[in-house]
Amino acid sequence: MSAVYASVDDLRQAAARHLPRMVFDFVDGGAEREITLRANTADFEPLRFAPRVLTDVSQVDLSTTLLGEQIALPLAIAPMGLCGLVRPEGELALARAAKAAGIPMVLSTAASHPLEAVMDAAPGNLWFQLYIFRDREFARSLVQRARAAGYRALVVTVDLTRGGKREKDIHNGFTVPPRFSRRTAADLLRHPRWLWQMLPHRGQTLGNLVGWGGQDGNVVALATFMNTQIDPGISWADLEWLRAEWDLPLLVKGILHPDDARQAVAAGADAIIVSNHGGRQLDGAPSTISALPRIADALGGAAEIILDSGVRRGADILKALALGARACMIGKAALYGLGAGGEAGVARVLAILRQEFDVAMALSGNQRAAAVRPDTLLR
């Protein structure tokens, strides 16, 4: 990568130039008026540090443990579907960059590449994300495949009982089935580099779902069938069922209420992911950083907490740790890097966040990421 990228926002702008509008808006957008999407980043801004001085930060330790594993940075890459639309290598590039950075990556059920191929590309600390479909036997088969492939944790997403209304996708025809227009075609033609990269990979599909319900590899048919399998009737009993099926760490993603956090732990969850699906589901839901303190207070250390959604700066990671998170996840930020420069772009995003986090730790007077002081922030 020859361009100079000083921030995640620089890579976002580069991704916007490289990707067709329909693809960039799919990555970047949120539900309805995007109130929650904007709040996810904006609500970090009022939080102010209370720096301590003369605390010898000549050696700042950015590593920590998460679910019993040592990681180089309190960060993970969140599960995201259809990453192969951004770059053909998609999740393969994300997994390689995460491994090189010493952090986990979570592979989505709706990934472009099958879970076995991603593990082969970057064996190590990979987690698998699961939707509990109406077809419980297929959900069980995904769990079994993830276990056999060596995935180290299972992340069950619980905030997709219906798909959020993403109006940018509707306007762009990025729907199931897709709706192409002259405007869409013209936009694609204005991005010849993306088209050239995608041309040999016209058969992009949902790698984990091929063959499900008798479907072949046609991505539209698979996505249509997947939408019919979204189950609005999932309950705490399903979480208990998953706990019995999976003998490694189990995480629940999509928690925004303290009572739900407590109940998830009671049902066997080892960790909670405070998430609003990147602002892509319920518009008007709280930002995750605003929901975090109450959840941390409710759990009182009974389970590890990961903050998802809105992290764009290393200082954001420090703020989340000070409010009770063990680590953070990035989704959009990682895809900006993927869109801007493939695997090298993702690596650049992770390097930027690492450098910013290191500076924020030192200037706030924190020596160890595993022991960030709660009084790091003004209350």
Protein backbone atom coordinates (compact mmCIF):
# COMPACT_ATOMS: atom_id res chain seq x y z
CA MET A 1 0.00 0.00 0.00
CA SER A 2 1.62 3.22 -1.19
CA ALA A 3 -0.94 5.69 0.20
CA VAL A 4 -0.47 7.25 3.61
CA TYR A 5 -3.31 6.37 5.96
CA ALA A 6 -3.17 8.12 9.32
CA SER A 7 -6.56 7.05 10.69
CA VAL A 8 -9.37 4.56 10.20
CA ASP A 9 -11.37 7.37 8.60
CA ASP A 10 -8.67 7.71 5.93
CA LEU A 11 -9.21 4.06 5.03
CA ARG A 12 -12.97 4.58 5.04
CA GLN A 13 -12.57 7.29 2.43
CA ALA A 14 -10.29 5.07 0.36
CA ALA A 15 -12.81 2.21 0.54
CA ALA A 16 -15.58 4.57 -0.59
CA ARG A 17 -13.52 5.44 -3.67
CA HIS A 18 -12.73 1.82 -4.52
CA LEU A 19 -16.12 0.20 -3.94
CA PRO A 20 -19.34 0.68 -5.90
CA ARG A 21 -21.86 2.67 -3.94
CA MET A 22 -24.16 -0.30 -3.35
CA VAL A 23 -21.32 -2.30 -1.78
CA PHE A 24 -19.92 0.60 0.26
CA ASP A 25 -23.37 1.52 1.59
CA PHE A 26 -23.93 -2.14 2.55
CA VAL A 27 -20.71 -1.99 4.58
CA ASP A 28 -21.12 1.53 5.95
CA GLY A 29 -24.86 1.96 6.42
CA GLY A 30 -27.37 1.33 9.17
CA ALA A 31 -31.09 0.95 9.73
CA GLU A 32 -33.72 3.56 8.87
CA ARG A 33 -32.59 7.09 9.89
CA GLU A 34 -29.29 5.70 11.22
CA ILE A 35 -29.77 7.26 14.66
CA THR A 36 -28.12 4.31 16.41
CA LEU A 37 -25.41 4.07 13.76
CA ARG A 38 -24.34 7.66 14.42
CA ALA A 39 -24.68 7.30 18.19
CA ASN A 40 -22.29 4.33 18.20
CA THR A 41 -19.40 6.64 17.33
CA ALA A 42 -20.72 9.96 18.64
CA ASP A 43 -21.29 8.71 22.19
CA PHE A 44 -17.58 8.06 22.65
CA GLU A 45 -16.85 11.76 22.17
CA PRO A 46 -18.26 13.21 25.43
CA LEU A 47 -16.24 10.72 27.50
CA ARG A 48 -13.20 12.52 28.90
CA PHE A 49 -10.03 11.08 30.33
CA ALA A 50 -8.69 11.88 33.80
CA PRO A 51 -4.98 11.34 33.07
CA ARG A 52 -2.51 10.47 35.80
CA VAL A 53 1.11 11.55 35.53
CA LEU A 54 4.50 10.32 36.79
CA THR A 55 3.40 6.71 36.52
CA ASP A 56 6.34 5.30 34.46
CA VAL A 57 4.81 4.32 31.14
CA SER A 58 8.14 3.53 29.48
CA GLN A 59 6.87 -0.03 29.01
CA VAL A 60 3.14 -0.23 28.25
CA ASP A 61 1.74 -3.76 28.02
CA LEU A 62 -1.10 -3.82 25.48
CA SER A 63 -1.76 -7.56 25.80
CA THR A 64 -4.50 -9.18 27.81
CA THR A 65 -6.37 -12.45 28.14
CA LEU A 66 -9.76 -13.14 26.62
CA LEU A 67 -11.61 -16.38 27.33
CA GLY A 68 -8.39 -17.73 28.76
CA GLU A 69 -6.33 -17.00 25.63
CA GLN A 70 -3.47 -14.51 25.55
CA ILE A 71 -4.04 -11.86 22.88
CA ALA A 72 -1.74 -9.05 21.77
CA LEU A 73 -4.37 -6.33 21.94
CA PRO A 74 -7.82 -6.15 23.57
CA LEU A 75 -9.49 -6.33 20.18
CA ALA A 76 -11.19 -8.84 17.88
CA ILE A 77 -12.69 -8.70 14.40
CA ALA A 78 -16.46 -9.03 14.53
CA PRO A 79 -18.51 -11.43 12.40
CA MET A 80 -19.69 -9.94 9.10
CA GLY A 81 -21.48 -11.54 6.19
CA LEU A 82 -20.56 -11.49 2.48
CA CYS A 83 -17.11 -9.99 2.95
CA GLY A 84 -16.22 -11.43 -0.45
CA LEU A 85 -18.20 -8.60 -2.05
CA VAL A 86 -15.66 -6.12 -0.70
CA ARG A 87 -12.63 -8.09 -1.92
CA PRO A 88 -12.78 -11.63 -3.31
CA GLU A 89 -10.49 -12.92 -0.55
CA GLY A 90 -12.94 -11.54 2.01
CA GLU A 91 -12.82 -13.42 5.30
CA LEU A 92 -9.55 -15.13 4.33
CA ALA A 93 -7.80 -11.75 4.36
CA LEU A 94 -9.50 -10.70 7.60
CA ALA A 95 -8.44 -13.92 9.31
CA ARG A 96 -4.83 -13.65 8.14
CA ALA A 97 -4.56 -10.04 9.29
CA ALA A 98 -6.09 -10.89 12.67
CA LYS A 99 -3.69 -13.79 13.16
CA ALA A 100 -0.69 -11.61 12.25
CA ALA A 101 -1.86 -9.02 14.79
CA GLY A 102 -2.35 -11.64 17.51
CA ILE A 103 -6.09 -11.13 17.97
CA PRO A 104 -9.19 -13.32 17.40
CA MET A 105 -11.53 -13.13 14.44
CA VAL A 106 -15.16 -14.25 14.45
CA LEU A 107 -16.41 -15.88 11.26
CA SER A 108 -20.02 -15.24 10.31
CA THR A 109 -22.50 -17.95 9.42
CA ALA A 110 -23.14 -15.81 6.31
CA ALA A 111 -19.46 -15.65 5.31
CA SER A 112 -18.48 -15.83 1.66
CA HIS A 113 -15.94 -18.56 2.39
CA PRO A 114 -16.70 -21.82 4.24
CA LEU A 115 -15.48 -22.11 7.80
CA GLU A 116 -13.05 -24.91 6.97
CA ALA A 117 -11.31 -22.82 4.28
CA VAL A 118 -10.91 -19.87 6.65
CA MET A 119 -9.36 -22.07 9.33
CA ASP A 120 -7.01 -23.56 6.74
CA ALA A 121 -5.98 -20.06 5.63
CA ALA A 122 -5.26 -18.79 9.15
CA PRO A 123 -5.26 -21.57 11.74
CA GLY A 124 -5.41 -20.22 15.25
CA ASN A 125 -7.73 -18.23 17.48
CA LEU A 126 -10.84 -18.22 15.29
CA TRP A 127 -14.38 -18.12 16.66
CA PHE A 128 -17.58 -19.06 14.84
CA GLN A 129 -20.77 -16.99 14.88
CA LEU A 130 -24.10 -18.81 14.71
CA TYR A 131 -27.66 -17.77 13.94
CA ILE A 132 -30.24 -20.10 15.48
CA PHE A 133 -32.33 -20.96 12.43
CA ARG A 134 -35.73 -22.60 12.33
CA ASP A 135 -33.86 -25.65 11.06
CA ARG A 136 -32.23 -26.60 14.35
CA GLU A 137 -30.58 -29.67 12.83
CA PHE A 138 -28.73 -27.48 10.34
CA ALA A 139 -27.69 -25.16 13.19
CA ARG A 140 -26.39 -28.24 15.03
CA SER A 141 -24.46 -29.30 11.93
CA LEU A 142 -22.75 -25.87 11.78
CA VAL A 143 -21.78 -26.19 15.43
CA GLN A 144 -20.34 -29.64 14.79
CA ARG A 145 -18.41 -28.42 11.74
CA ALA A 146 -16.95 -25.53 13.73
CA ARG A 147 -15.89 -27.88 16.53
CA ALA A 148 -14.31 -30.33 14.09
CA ALA A 149 -12.45 -27.54 12.27
CA GLY A 150 -10.89 -26.23 15.49
CA TYR A 151 -12.85 -23.07 16.22
CA ARG A 152 -12.19 -22.03 19.79
CA ALA A 153 -15.43 -20.28 20.72
CA LEU A 154 -19.05 -20.07 19.58
CA VAL A 155 -20.78 -16.70 19.29
CA VAL A 156 -24.56 -16.85 19.10
CA THR A 157 -26.25 -13.73 17.71
CA VAL A 158 -29.60 -13.02 19.35
CA ASP A 159 -30.72 -9.69 17.86
CA LEU A 160 -31.80 -10.90 14.40
CA THR A 161 -35.35 -12.09 14.97
CA ARG A 162 -36.19 -9.87 12.01
CA GLY A 163 -33.97 -8.08 9.54
CA GLY A 164 -33.58 -4.35 10.10
CA LYS A 165 -34.86 -1.93 7.45
CA ARG A 166 -31.72 -0.64 5.72
CA GLU A 167 -32.96 2.09 3.42
CA LYS A 168 -29.68 2.69 1.63
CA ASP A 169 -29.70 -0.94 0.52
CA ILE A 170 -33.28 -0.59 -0.68
CA HIS A 171 -32.43 2.53 -2.69
CA ASN A 172 -29.40 0.80 -4.20
CA GLY A 173 -31.29 -2.36 -5.08
CA PHE A 174 -29.09 -4.33 -2.68
CA THR A 175 -31.95 -6.57 -1.67
CA VAL A 176 -32.87 -10.26 -1.85
CA PRO A 177 -33.34 -10.77 -4.71
CA PRO A 178 -31.18 -7.87 -5.99
CA ARG A 179 -32.83 -5.15 -8.06
CA PHE A 180 -30.51 -3.66 -10.68
CA SER A 181 -31.16 -0.36 -12.41
CA ARG A 182 -29.38 1.84 -14.93
CA ARG A 183 -28.00 3.86 -12.02
CA THR A 184 -26.61 0.70 -10.43
CA ALA A 185 -25.02 -0.40 -13.70
CA ALA A 186 -23.47 3.03 -14.26
CA ASP A 187 -22.06 3.02 -10.74
CA LEU A 188 -20.49 -0.40 -11.26
CA LEU A 189 -18.86 0.78 -14.48
CA ARG A 190 -17.34 3.73 -12.62
CA HIS A 191 -15.38 1.25 -10.49
CA PRO A 192 -13.40 -0.78 -13.05
CA ARG A 193 -10.73 -1.90 -10.55
CA TRP A 194 -13.36 -3.51 -8.34
CA LEU A 195 -15.03 -5.10 -11.36
CA TRP A 196 -11.71 -6.47 -12.60
CA GLN A 197 -10.96 -7.98 -9.17
CA MET A 198 -14.41 -9.54 -8.95
CA LEU A 199 -14.60 -10.85 -12.51
CA PRO A 200 -12.85 -14.18 -11.80
CA HIS A 201 -15.05 -14.64 -8.72
CA ARG A 202 -18.52 -14.20 -10.19
CA GLY A 203 -19.59 -17.35 -8.35
CA GLN A 204 -19.34 -15.73 -4.88
CA THR A 205 -21.71 -17.48 -2.52
CA LEU A 206 -22.51 -18.08 1.15
CA GLY A 207 -19.84 -20.67 1.75
CA ASN A 208 -21.23 -22.21 4.94
CA LEU A 209 -24.73 -22.64 3.57
CA VAL A 210 -24.16 -24.40 0.24
CA GLY A 211 -26.37 -27.49 0.04
CA TRP A 212 -28.68 -26.39 2.86
CA GLY A 213 -32.34 -26.98 2.08
CA GLY A 214 -31.40 -28.50 -1.24
CA GLN A 215 -29.93 -25.20 -2.46
CA ASP A 216 -26.90 -25.15 -4.74
CA GLY A 217 -24.21 -22.45 -4.63
CA ASN A 218 -26.42 -19.68 -6.04
CA VAL A 219 -25.98 -16.80 -3.61
CA VAL A 220 -29.41 -15.27 -4.29
CA ALA A 221 -31.20 -18.57 -3.69
CA LEU A 222 -29.18 -19.21 -0.53
CA ALA A 223 -29.80 -15.70 0.82
CA THR A 224 -33.51 -16.00 0.06
CA PHE A 225 -33.71 -19.34 1.84
CA MET A 226 -31.69 -18.00 4.78
CA ASN A 227 -34.18 -15.15 5.21
CA THR A 228 -37.02 -17.66 5.50
CA GLN A 229 -35.06 -19.43 8.24
CA ILE A 230 -34.76 -16.42 10.57
CA ASP A 231 -36.63 -17.56 13.66
CA PRO A 232 -38.55 -14.93 15.68
CA GLY A 233 -39.34 -17.60 18.25
CA ILE A 234 -35.85 -18.13 19.66
CA SER A 235 -35.78 -18.12 23.45
CA TRP A 236 -33.54 -18.71 26.44
CA ALA A 237 -34.23 -22.41 26.05
CA ASP A 238 -32.35 -22.30 22.74
CA LEU A 239 -29.34 -20.80 24.46
CA GLU A 240 -29.43 -23.60 27.02
CA TRP A 241 -29.66 -26.11 24.14
CA LEU A 242 -26.57 -24.58 22.53
CA ARG A 243 -24.73 -24.70 25.84
CA ALA A 244 -25.35 -28.45 25.90
CA GLU A 245 -24.14 -28.81 22.29
CA TRP A 246 -20.91 -26.79 22.67
CA ASP A 247 -18.26 -27.60 25.26
CA LEU A 248 -15.95 -24.61 24.59
CA PRO A 249 -16.49 -20.91 25.42
CA LEU A 250 -19.96 -19.66 24.48
CA LEU A 251 -20.63 -15.96 23.89
CA VAL A 252 -23.95 -14.16 23.41
CA LYS A 253 -23.89 -11.24 20.98
CA GLY A 254 -26.60 -8.59 20.85
CA ILE A 255 -27.08 -7.78 24.54
CA LEU A 256 -28.09 -4.21 25.46
CA HIS A 257 -30.06 -4.69 28.70
CA PRO A 258 -28.55 -5.59 32.12
CA ASP A 259 -31.27 -8.16 32.87
CA ASP A 260 -30.58 -9.96 29.59
CA ALA A 261 -26.88 -10.01 30.42
CA ARG A 262 -27.58 -11.64 33.78
CA GLN A 263 -29.95 -14.17 32.23
CA ALA A 264 -27.45 -15.07 29.50
CA VAL A 265 -24.82 -15.84 32.12
CA ALA A 266 -27.35 -17.88 34.10
CA ALA A 267 -28.05 -19.89 30.92
CA GLY A 268 -24.37 -20.74 30.56
CA ALA A 269 -22.77 -17.91 28.58
CA ASP A 270 -19.07 -17.41 29.28
CA ALA A 271 -19.01 -13.87 27.87
CA ILE A 272 -21.38 -11.14 26.76
CA ILE A 273 -20.98 -9.06 23.61
CA VAL A 274 -22.65 -5.70 24.05
CA SER A 275 -23.81 -5.04 20.49
CA ASN A 276 -26.56 -3.38 18.48
CA HIS A 277 -25.49 -5.10 15.25
CA GLY A 278 -23.54 -2.04 14.18
CA GLY A 279 -26.69 0.08 14.13
CA ARG A 280 -28.16 -2.18 11.45
CA GLN A 281 -31.17 -3.57 13.33
CA LEU A 282 -33.32 -1.48 15.70
CA ASP A 283 -32.87 2.21 14.94
CA GLY A 284 -33.17 4.11 18.19
CA ALA A 285 -31.49 1.41 20.25
CA PRO A 286 -28.80 2.76 22.59
CA SER A 287 -25.21 3.04 21.51
CA THR A 288 -23.14 0.22 22.91
CA ILE A 289 -20.76 2.48 24.84
CA SER A 290 -23.76 4.05 26.63
CA ALA A 291 -25.21 0.61 27.46
CA LEU A 292 -21.91 -0.82 28.68
CA PRO A 293 -21.66 0.63 32.23
CA ARG A 294 -25.04 -0.70 33.40
CA ILE A 295 -24.28 -4.15 32.00
CA ALA A 296 -20.85 -4.18 33.64
CA ASP A 297 -22.42 -3.19 36.97
CA ALA A 298 -25.10 -5.88 36.61
CA LEU A 299 -22.61 -8.66 35.95
CA GLY A 300 -20.10 -7.59 38.56
CA GLY A 301 -17.33 -9.63 36.97
CA ALA A 302 -19.41 -12.81 36.57
CA ALA A 303 -18.51 -12.96 32.86
CA GLU A 304 -16.19 -11.16 30.47
CA ILE A 305 -17.70 -8.36 28.41
CA ILE A 306 -16.79 -7.40 24.86
CA LEU A 307 -17.93 -4.10 23.37
CA ASP A 308 -18.97 -4.20 19.70
CA SER A 309 -19.96 -1.29 17.42
CA GLY A 310 -18.56 2.20 17.03
CA VAL A 311 -14.85 1.71 17.71
CA ARG A 312 -12.83 3.88 15.33
CA ARG A 313 -9.93 5.02 17.53
CA GLY A 314 -7.49 3.41 19.90
CA ALA A 315 -8.77 5.81 22.55
CA ASP A 316 -12.22 4.24 22.12
CA ILE A 317 -10.78 0.90 23.19
CA LEU A 318 -9.34 2.48 26.34
CA LYS A 319 -12.66 4.14 27.15
CA ALA A 320 -14.47 0.82 26.82
CA LEU A 321 -11.98 -0.93 29.11
CA ALA A 322 -12.37 1.80 31.71
CA LEU A 323 -16.15 1.26 31.63
CA GLY A 324 -15.92 -2.49 32.21
CA ALA A 325 -15.18 -4.19 28.89
CA ARG A 326 -12.47 -6.82 28.60
CA ALA A 327 -11.99 -6.14 24.90
CA CYS A 328 -13.63 -4.54 21.86
CA MET A 329 -14.71 -5.75 18.44
CA ILE A 330 -14.45 -3.92 15.13
CA GLY A 331 -16.59 -4.64 12.10
CA LYS A 332 -16.94 -1.66 9.80
CA ALA A 333 -13.39 -0.46 10.55
CA ALA A 334 -11.97 -3.81 9.42
CA LEU A 335 -14.04 -3.73 6.22
CA TYR A 336 -12.83 -0.21 5.44
CA GLY A 337 -9.33 -1.61 5.49
CA LEU A 338 -10.36 -4.60 3.37
CA GLY A 339 -11.98 -2.31 0.82
CA ALA A 340 -9.07 0.08 0.72
CA GLY A 341 -6.27 -2.45 0.38
CA GLY A 342 -7.24 -6.05 0.98
CA GLU A 343 -5.29 -7.88 3.66
CA ALA A 344 -2.70 -5.08 3.82
CA GLY A 345 -5.51 -2.58 4.41
CA VAL A 346 -6.89 -4.63 7.31
CA ALA A 347 -3.38 -4.87 8.75
CA ARG A 348 -3.06 -1.09 8.47
CA VAL A 349 -6.33 -0.57 10.38
CA LEU A 350 -5.11 -2.86 13.16
CA ALA A 351 -1.72 -1.13 13.27
CA ILE A 352 -3.37 2.30 13.52
CA LEU A 353 -5.63 1.18 16.37
CA ARG A 354 -2.71 -0.44 18.16
CA GLN A 355 -0.59 2.72 17.91
CA GLU A 356 -3.44 4.98 19.03
CA PHE A 357 -4.27 2.65 21.93
CA ASP A 358 -0.63 2.63 23.01
CA VAL A 359 -0.51 6.44 23.01
CA ALA A 360 -3.81 6.72 24.90
CA MET A 361 -2.63 4.21 27.50
CA ALA A 362 0.64 6.05 28.09
CA LEU A 363 -0.82 9.55 28.18
CA SER A 364 -3.59 8.48 30.58
CA GLY A 365 -1.07 6.86 32.91
CA ASN A 366 -2.12 3.24 32.36
CA GLN A 367 0.62 0.63 32.23
CA ARG A 368 -1.31 -2.59 31.46
CA ALA A 369 -4.31 -3.18 29.23
CA ALA A 370 -5.35 -6.03 31.50
CA ALA A 371 -5.60 -3.65 34.45
CA VAL A 372 -6.98 -0.35 33.14
CA ARG A 373 -8.16 1.78 36.06
CA PRO A 374 -11.86 2.67 36.22
CA ASP A 375 -10.88 6.22 37.19
CA THR A 376 -9.23 6.64 33.78
CA LEU A 377 -12.41 8.45 32.79
CA LEU A 378 -14.03 11.43 34.44
CA ARG A 379 -17.36 10.33 35.87
